[in-house]
Amino acid sequence: MSDSVSIEFVRQVVLQLLAGEWVDTNDVCSALDLDFKTCMHMFDFSREVLWNKPPLNGQFIITKFRIRPGGMGVKA
């Protein structure tokens, strides 16, 4: 675990995952000290695309991971 990641942050991410919630990919990777590729193999992946409002325009992409339903005792 990285020195910059607090135990409370890791605890919150793990609790969210165990509750079957979708959690931001950056939070999961940081809390578990795993790279994105490893997490892609371990978790379900969600990608949501929204449009930024002017003047930004363009896409705003939200990516999240969750434990696969039935994996690690997590209910669907």
PDB file of N, CA and C in Angstrom:
ATOM      1  N   MET A   1       0.850  -1.184   0.000  1.00  0.00           N
ATOM      2  CA  MET A   1       0.000   0.000   0.000  1.00  0.00           C
ATOM      3  C   MET A   1       0.885   1.232   0.000  1.00  0.00           C
ATOM      4  N   SER A   2       0.532   2.196  -0.797  1.00  0.00           N
ATOM      5  CA  SER A   2       1.283   3.436  -0.890  1.00  0.00           C
ATOM      6  C   SER A   2       1.194   4.213   0.416  1.00  0.00           C
ATOM      7  N   ASP A   3       2.274   4.903   0.756  1.00  0.00           N
ATOM      8  CA  ASP A   3       2.295   5.696   1.986  1.00  0.00           C
ATOM      9  C   ASP A   3       1.285   6.830   1.949  1.00  0.00           C
ATOM     10  N   SER A   4       0.913   7.281   0.760  1.00  0.00           N
ATOM     11  CA  SER A   4      -0.008   8.413   0.629  1.00  0.00           C
ATOM     12  C   SER A   4      -1.477   8.009   0.762  1.00  0.00           C
ATOM     13  N   VAL A   5      -1.756   6.725   0.859  1.00  0.00           N
ATOM     14  CA  VAL A   5      -3.137   6.244   0.975  1.00  0.00           C
ATOM     15  C   VAL A   5      -3.425   5.912   2.434  1.00  0.00           C
ATOM     16  N   SER A   6      -4.455   6.549   2.989  1.00  0.00           N
ATOM     17  CA  SER A   6      -4.776   6.329   4.398  1.00  0.00           C
ATOM     18  C   SER A   6      -5.516   4.999   4.596  1.00  0.00           C
ATOM     19  N   ILE A   7      -5.373   4.480   5.775  1.00  0.00           N
ATOM     20  CA  ILE A   7      -6.066   3.232   6.138  1.00  0.00           C
ATOM     21  C   ILE A   7      -7.581   3.432   6.047  1.00  0.00           C
ATOM     22  N   GLU A   8      -8.064   4.604   6.436  1.00  0.00           N
ATOM     23  CA  GLU A   8      -9.505   4.876   6.373  1.00  0.00           C
ATOM     24  C   GLU A   8     -10.005   4.867   4.928  1.00  0.00           C
ATOM     25  N   PHE A   9      -9.219   5.411   4.011  1.00  0.00           N
ATOM     26  CA  PHE A   9      -9.577   5.399   2.594  1.00  0.00           C
ATOM     27  C   PHE A   9      -9.673   3.964   2.089  1.00  0.00           C
ATOM     28  N   VAL A  10      -8.675   3.153   2.411  1.00  0.00           N
ATOM     29  CA  VAL A  10      -8.671   1.746   2.000  1.00  0.00           C
ATOM     30  C   VAL A  10      -9.885   1.038   2.584  1.00  0.00           C
ATOM     31  N   ARG A  11     -10.173   1.286   3.839  1.00  0.00           N
ATOM     32  CA  ARG A  11     -11.320   0.668   4.516  1.00  0.00           C
ATOM     33  C   ARG A  11     -12.624   1.010   3.801  1.00  0.00           C
ATOM     34  N   GLN A  12     -12.808   2.287   3.458  1.00  0.00           N
ATOM     35  CA  GLN A  12     -14.031   2.715   2.785  1.00  0.00           C
ATOM     36  C   GLN A  12     -14.182   2.067   1.413  1.00  0.00           C
ATOM     37  N   VAL A  13     -13.093   1.999   0.659  1.00  0.00           N
ATOM     38  CA  VAL A  13     -13.143   1.381  -0.668  1.00  0.00           C
ATOM     39  C   VAL A  13     -13.486  -0.104  -0.548  1.00  0.00           C
ATOM     40  N   VAL A  14     -12.841  -0.797   0.372  1.00  0.00           N
ATOM     41  CA  VAL A  14     -13.098  -2.230   0.552  1.00  0.00           C
ATOM     42  C   VAL A  14     -14.538  -2.466   0.995  1.00  0.00           C
ATOM     43  N   LEU A  15     -15.043  -1.652   1.915  1.00  0.00           N
ATOM     44  CA  LEU A  15     -16.435  -1.802   2.357  1.00  0.00           C
ATOM     45  C   LEU A  15     -17.422  -1.570   1.205  1.00  0.00           C
ATOM     46  N   GLN A  16     -17.141  -0.585   0.366  1.00  0.00           N
ATOM     47  CA  GLN A  16     -18.007  -0.333  -0.788  1.00  0.00           C
ATOM     48  C   GLN A  16     -17.981  -1.522  -1.747  1.00  0.00           C
ATOM     49  N   LEU A  17     -16.799  -2.047  -1.998  1.00  0.00           N
ATOM     50  CA  LEU A  17     -16.692  -3.210  -2.887  1.00  0.00           C
ATOM     51  C   LEU A  17     -17.438  -4.407  -2.321  1.00  0.00           C
ATOM     52  N   LEU A  18     -17.255  -4.665  -1.036  1.00  0.00           N
ATOM     53  CA  LEU A  18     -17.920  -5.809  -0.408  1.00  0.00           C
ATOM     54  C   LEU A  18     -19.433  -5.657  -0.360  1.00  0.00           C
ATOM     55  N   ALA A  19     -19.905  -4.412  -0.403  1.00  0.00           N
ATOM     56  CA  ALA A  19     -21.347  -4.153  -0.421  1.00  0.00           C
ATOM     57  C   ALA A  19     -21.912  -4.289  -1.838  1.00  0.00           C
ATOM     58  N   GLY A  20     -21.046  -4.590  -2.802  1.00  0.00           N
ATOM     59  CA  GLY A  20     -21.499  -4.763  -4.179  1.00  0.00           C
ATOM     60  C   GLY A  20     -21.647  -3.463  -4.947  1.00  0.00           C
ATOM     61  N   GLU A  21     -21.104  -2.379  -4.400  1.00  0.00           N
ATOM     62  CA  GLU A  21     -21.233  -1.071  -5.038  1.00  0.00           C
ATOM     63  C   GLU A  21     -20.194  -0.889  -6.145  1.00  0.00           C
ATOM     64  N   TRP A  22     -20.516  -0.016  -7.093  1.00  0.00           N
ATOM     65  CA  TRP A  22     -19.560   0.411  -8.107  1.00  0.00           C
ATOM     66  C   TRP A  22     -18.674   1.465  -7.472  1.00  0.00           C
ATOM     67  N   VAL A  23     -17.354   1.337  -7.644  1.00  0.00           N
ATOM     68  CA  VAL A  23     -16.394   2.251  -7.029  1.00  0.00           C
ATOM     69  C   VAL A  23     -15.466   2.780  -8.119  1.00  0.00           C
ATOM     70  N   ASP A  24     -15.147   4.069  -8.055  1.00  0.00           N
ATOM     71  CA  ASP A  24     -14.271   4.701  -9.037  1.00  0.00           C
ATOM     72  C   ASP A  24     -12.993   3.883  -9.246  1.00  0.00           C
ATOM     73  N   THR A  25     -12.616   3.697 -10.506  1.00  0.00           N
ATOM     74  CA  THR A  25     -11.452   2.860 -10.828  1.00  0.00           C
ATOM     75  C   THR A  25     -10.173   3.378 -10.183  1.00  0.00           C
ATOM     76  N   ASN A  26      -9.984   4.691 -10.160  1.00  0.00           N
ATOM     77  CA  ASN A  26      -8.776   5.243  -9.545  1.00  0.00           C
ATOM     78  C   ASN A  26      -8.729   4.946  -8.050  1.00  0.00           C
ATOM     79  N   ASP A  27      -9.879   5.016  -7.387  1.00  0.00           N
ATOM     80  CA  ASP A  27      -9.931   4.714  -5.954  1.00  0.00           C
ATOM     81  C   ASP A  27      -9.585   3.255  -5.691  1.00  0.00           C
ATOM     82  N   VAL A  28     -10.137   2.341  -6.500  1.00  0.00           N
ATOM     83  CA  VAL A  28      -9.866   0.912  -6.318  1.00  0.00           C
ATOM     84  C   VAL A  28      -8.388   0.619  -6.538  1.00  0.00           C
ATOM     85  N   CYS A  29      -7.843   1.121  -7.627  1.00  0.00           N
ATOM     86  CA  CYS A  29      -6.421   0.872  -7.928  1.00  0.00           C
ATOM     87  C   CYS A  29      -5.519   1.427  -6.833  1.00  0.00           C
ATOM     88  N   SER A  30      -5.819   2.632  -6.359  1.00  0.00           N
ATOM     89  CA  SER A  30      -5.002   3.249  -5.308  1.00  0.00           C
ATOM     90  C   SER A  30      -5.126   2.503  -3.983  1.00  0.00           C
ATOM     91  N   ALA A  31      -6.359   2.200  -3.594  1.00  0.00           N
ATOM     92  CA  ALA A  31      -6.585   1.561  -2.295  1.00  0.00           C
ATOM     93  C   ALA A  31      -5.984   0.160  -2.234  1.00  0.00           C
ATOM     94  N   LEU A  32      -6.068  -0.577  -3.345  1.00  0.00           N
ATOM     95  CA  LEU A  32      -5.576  -1.949  -3.354  1.00  0.00           C
ATOM     96  C   LEU A  32      -4.158  -2.068  -3.896  1.00  0.00           C
ATOM     97  N   ASP A  33      -3.585  -0.940  -4.305  1.00  0.00           N
ATOM     98  CA  ASP A  33      -2.218  -0.889  -4.852  1.00  0.00           C
ATOM     99  C   ASP A  33      -2.066  -1.865  -6.018  1.00  0.00           C
ATOM    100  N   LEU A  34      -3.036  -1.800  -6.934  1.00  0.00           N
ATOM    101  CA  LEU A  34      -3.039  -2.642  -8.135  1.00  0.00           C
ATOM    102  C   LEU A  34      -3.073  -1.754  -9.364  1.00  0.00           C
ATOM    103  N   ASP A  35      -2.548  -2.261 -10.471  1.00  0.00           N
ATOM    104  CA  ASP A  35      -2.647  -1.484 -11.705  1.00  0.00           C
ATOM    105  C   ASP A  35      -4.008  -1.747 -12.362  1.00  0.00           C
ATOM    106  N   PHE A  36      -4.347  -0.893 -13.319  1.00  0.00           N
ATOM    107  CA  PHE A  36      -5.652  -0.962 -13.970  1.00  0.00           C
ATOM    108  C   PHE A  36      -5.855  -2.313 -14.653  1.00  0.00           C
ATOM    109  N   LYS A  37      -4.829  -2.807 -15.321  1.00  0.00           N
ATOM    110  CA  LYS A  37      -4.932  -4.080 -16.039  1.00  0.00           C
ATOM    111  C   LYS A  37      -5.289  -5.224 -15.087  1.00  0.00           C
ATOM    112  N   THR A  38      -4.653  -5.265 -13.935  1.00  0.00           N
ATOM    113  CA  THR A  38      -4.942  -6.314 -12.945  1.00  0.00           C
ATOM    114  C   THR A  38      -6.379  -6.199 -12.468  1.00  0.00           C
ATOM    115  N   CYS A  39      -6.816  -4.978 -12.194  1.00  0.00           N
ATOM    116  CA  CYS A  39      -8.196  -4.775 -11.733  1.00  0.00           C
ATOM    117  C   CYS A  39      -9.211  -5.182 -12.801  1.00  0.00           C
ATOM    118  N   MET A  40      -8.874  -4.948 -14.074  1.00  0.00           N
ATOM    119  CA  MET A  40      -9.780  -5.352 -15.159  1.00  0.00           C
ATOM    120  C   MET A  40     -10.021  -6.858 -15.155  1.00  0.00           C
ATOM    121  N   HIS A  41      -9.026  -7.629 -14.743  1.00  0.00           N
ATOM    122  CA  HIS A  41      -9.173  -9.084 -14.684  1.00  0.00           C
ATOM    123  C   HIS A  41      -9.925  -9.530 -13.428  1.00  0.00           C
ATOM    124  N   MET A  42      -9.856  -8.730 -12.375  1.00  0.00           N
ATOM    125  CA  MET A  42     -10.435  -9.117 -11.086  1.00  0.00           C
ATOM    126  C   MET A  42     -11.877  -8.679 -10.886  1.00  0.00           C
ATOM    127  N   PHE A  43     -12.263  -7.567 -11.512  1.00  0.00           N
ATOM    128  CA  PHE A  43     -13.549  -6.934 -11.222  1.00  0.00           C
ATOM    129  C   PHE A  43     -14.392  -6.765 -12.480  1.00  0.00           C
ATOM    130  N   ASP A  44     -15.704  -6.539 -12.269  1.00  0.00           N
ATOM    131  CA  ASP A  44     -16.568  -6.057 -13.341  1.00  0.00           C
ATOM    132  C   ASP A  44     -16.192  -4.606 -13.607  1.00  0.00           C
ATOM    133  N   PHE A  45     -16.401  -4.160 -14.848  1.00  0.00           N
ATOM    134  CA  PHE A  45     -16.010  -2.820 -15.258  1.00  0.00           C
ATOM    135  C   PHE A  45     -17.205  -2.081 -15.824  1.00  0.00           C
ATOM    136  N   SER A  46     -17.352  -0.827 -15.448  1.00  0.00           N
ATOM    137  CA  SER A  46     -18.422   0.023 -15.959  1.00  0.00           C
ATOM    138  C   SER A  46     -17.808   1.295 -16.535  1.00  0.00           C
ATOM    139  N   ARG A  47     -18.322   1.706 -17.679  1.00  0.00           N
ATOM    140  CA  ARG A  47     -17.860   2.935 -18.328  1.00  0.00           C
ATOM    141  C   ARG A  47     -19.087   3.743 -18.723  1.00  0.00           C
ATOM    142  N   GLU A  48     -19.198   4.924 -18.149  1.00  0.00           N
ATOM    143  CA  GLU A  48     -20.326   5.806 -18.432  1.00  0.00           C
ATOM    144  C   GLU A  48     -19.793   7.071 -19.111  1.00  0.00           C
ATOM    145  N   VAL A  49     -20.432   7.446 -20.191  1.00  0.00           N
ATOM    146  CA  VAL A  49     -19.989   8.623 -20.934  1.00  0.00           C
ATOM    147  C   VAL A  49     -21.059   9.704 -20.844  1.00  0.00           C
ATOM    148  N   LEU A  50     -20.649  10.870 -20.408  1.00  0.00           N
ATOM    149  CA  LEU A  50     -21.527  12.031 -20.327  1.00  0.00           C
ATOM    150  C   LEU A  50     -20.933  13.131 -21.197  1.00  0.00           C
ATOM    151  N   TRP A  51     -21.763  14.091 -21.560  1.00  0.00           N
ATOM    152  CA  TRP A  51     -21.259  15.229 -22.333  1.00  0.00           C
ATOM    153  C   TRP A  51     -21.007  16.387 -21.391  1.00  0.00           C
ATOM    154  N   ASN A  52     -19.810  16.975 -21.498  1.00  0.00           N
ATOM    155  CA  ASN A  52     -19.499  18.182 -20.738  1.00  0.00           C
ATOM    156  C   ASN A  52     -20.325  19.337 -21.275  1.00  0.00           C
ATOM    157  N   LYS A  53     -20.697  20.225 -20.377  1.00  0.00           N
ATOM    158  CA  LYS A  53     -21.440  21.421 -20.785  1.00  0.00           C
ATOM    159  C   LYS A  53     -20.462  22.454 -21.332  1.00  0.00           C
ATOM    160  N   PRO A  54     -20.940  23.330 -22.206  1.00  0.00           N
ATOM    161  CA  PRO A  54     -20.072  24.391 -22.726  1.00  0.00           C
ATOM    162  C   PRO A  54     -19.509  25.217 -21.559  1.00  0.00           C
ATOM    163  N   PRO A  55     -18.338  25.705 -21.619  1.00  0.00           N
ATOM    164  CA  PRO A  55     -17.471  25.758 -22.787  1.00  0.00           C
ATOM    165  C   PRO A  55     -16.568  24.533 -22.938  1.00  0.00           C
ATOM    166  N   LEU A  56     -16.654  23.568 -22.020  1.00  0.00           N
ATOM    167  CA  LEU A  56     -15.772  22.400 -22.093  1.00  0.00           C
ATOM    168  C   LEU A  56     -16.103  21.501 -23.276  1.00  0.00           C
ATOM    169  N   ASN A  57     -17.408  21.229 -23.453  1.00  0.00           N
ATOM    170  CA  ASN A  57     -17.864  20.321 -24.513  1.00  0.00           C
ATOM    171  C   ASN A  57     -17.120  18.984 -24.441  1.00  0.00           C
ATOM    172  N   GLY A  58     -17.364  18.098 -25.362  1.00  0.00           N
ATOM    173  CA  GLY A  58     -16.675  16.823 -25.387  1.00  0.00           C
ATOM    174  C   GLY A  58     -17.191  15.837 -24.349  1.00  0.00           C
ATOM    175  N   GLN A  59     -16.528  14.714 -24.273  1.00  0.00           N
ATOM    176  CA  GLN A  59     -16.962  13.630 -23.394  1.00  0.00           C
ATOM    177  C   GLN A  59     -16.331  13.720 -22.013  1.00  0.00           C
ATOM    178  N   PHE A  60     -17.106  13.305 -21.037  1.00  0.00           N
ATOM    179  CA  PHE A  60     -16.640  13.144 -19.663  1.00  0.00           C
ATOM    180  C   PHE A  60     -16.884  11.674 -19.342  1.00  0.00           C
ATOM    181  N   ILE A  61     -15.830  10.913 -19.125  1.00  0.00           N
ATOM    182  CA  ILE A  61     -15.943   9.468 -18.964  1.00  0.00           C
ATOM    183  C   ILE A  61     -15.741   9.083 -17.498  1.00  0.00           C
ATOM    184  N   ILE A  62     -16.701   8.325 -16.968  1.00  0.00           N
ATOM    185  CA  ILE A  62     -16.641   7.832 -15.591  1.00  0.00           C
ATOM    186  C   ILE A  62     -16.447   6.323 -15.645  1.00  0.00           C
ATOM    187  N   THR A  63     -15.384   5.832 -15.024  1.00  0.00           N
ATOM    188  CA  THR A  63     -15.124   4.387 -15.010  1.00  0.00           C
ATOM    189  C   THR A  63     -15.152   3.884 -13.573  1.00  0.00           C
ATOM    190  N   LYS A  64     -15.741   2.696 -13.402  1.00  0.00           N
ATOM    191  CA  LYS A  64     -15.887   2.129 -12.059  1.00  0.00           C
ATOM    192  C   LYS A  64     -15.666   0.616 -12.095  1.00  0.00           C
ATOM    193  N   PHE A  65     -15.277   0.073 -10.947  1.00  0.00           N
ATOM    194  CA  PHE A  65     -15.157  -1.368 -10.750  1.00  0.00           C
ATOM    195  C   PHE A  65     -16.112  -1.812  -9.653  1.00  0.00           C
ATOM    196  N   ARG A  66     -16.494  -3.079  -9.703  1.00  0.00           N
ATOM    197  CA  ARG A  66     -17.205  -3.720  -8.593  1.00  0.00           C
ATOM    198  C   ARG A  66     -16.816  -5.186  -8.599  1.00  0.00           C
ATOM    199  N   ILE A  67     -16.988  -5.820  -7.449  1.00  0.00           N
ATOM    200  CA  ILE A  67     -16.752  -7.256  -7.373  1.00  0.00           C
ATOM    201  C   ILE A  67     -17.838  -7.938  -8.177  1.00  0.00           C
ATOM    202  N   ARG A  68     -17.444  -8.918  -8.964  1.00  0.00           N
ATOM    203  CA  ARG A  68     -18.439  -9.643  -9.770  1.00  0.00           C
ATOM    204  C   ARG A  68     -19.477 -10.266  -8.860  1.00  0.00           C
ATOM    205  N   PRO A  69     -20.777 -10.110  -9.200  1.00  0.00           N
ATOM    206  CA  PRO A  69     -21.825 -10.726  -8.368  1.00  0.00           C
ATOM    207  C   PRO A  69     -21.555 -12.208  -8.161  1.00  0.00           C
ATOM    208  N   GLY A  70     -21.650 -12.627  -6.911  1.00  0.00           N
ATOM    209  CA  GLY A  70     -21.366 -14.016  -6.553  1.00  0.00           C
ATOM    210  C   GLY A  70     -19.923 -14.241  -6.198  1.00  0.00           C
ATOM    211  N   GLY A  71     -19.048 -13.301  -6.549  1.00  0.00           N
ATOM    212  CA  GLY A  71     -17.627 -13.417  -6.215  1.00  0.00           C
ATOM    213  C   GLY A  71     -17.386 -12.916  -4.810  1.00  0.00           C
ATOM    214  N   MET A  72     -16.579 -13.609  -4.064  1.00  0.00           N
ATOM    215  CA  MET A  72     -16.208 -13.229  -2.695  1.00  0.00           C
ATOM    216  C   MET A  72     -17.433 -13.080  -1.794  1.00  0.00           C
ATOM    217  N   GLY A  73     -18.486 -13.817  -2.091  1.00  0.00           N
ATOM    218  CA  GLY A  73     -19.669 -13.785  -1.234  1.00  0.00           C
ATOM    219  C   GLY A  73     -20.540 -12.552  -1.410  1.00  0.00           C
ATOM    220  N   VAL A  74     -20.312 -11.748  -2.442  1.00  0.00           N
ATOM    221  CA  VAL A  74     -21.096 -10.544  -2.684  1.00  0.00           C
ATOM    222  C   VAL A  74     -22.361 -10.917  -3.423  1.00  0.00           C
ATOM    223  N   LYS A  75     -23.498 -10.449  -2.909  1.00  0.00           N
ATOM    224  CA  LYS A  75     -24.783 -10.754  -3.527  1.00  0.00           C
ATOM    225  C   LYS A  75     -24.988  -9.912  -4.763  1.00  0.00           C
ATOM    226  N   ALA A  76     -25.735 -10.476  -5.713  1.00  0.00           N
ATOM    227  CA  ALA A  76     -26.034  -9.772  -6.971  1.00  0.00           C
ATOM    228  C   ALA A  76     -26.980  -8.621  -6.745  1.00  0.00           C
TER     229      ALA A  76
END
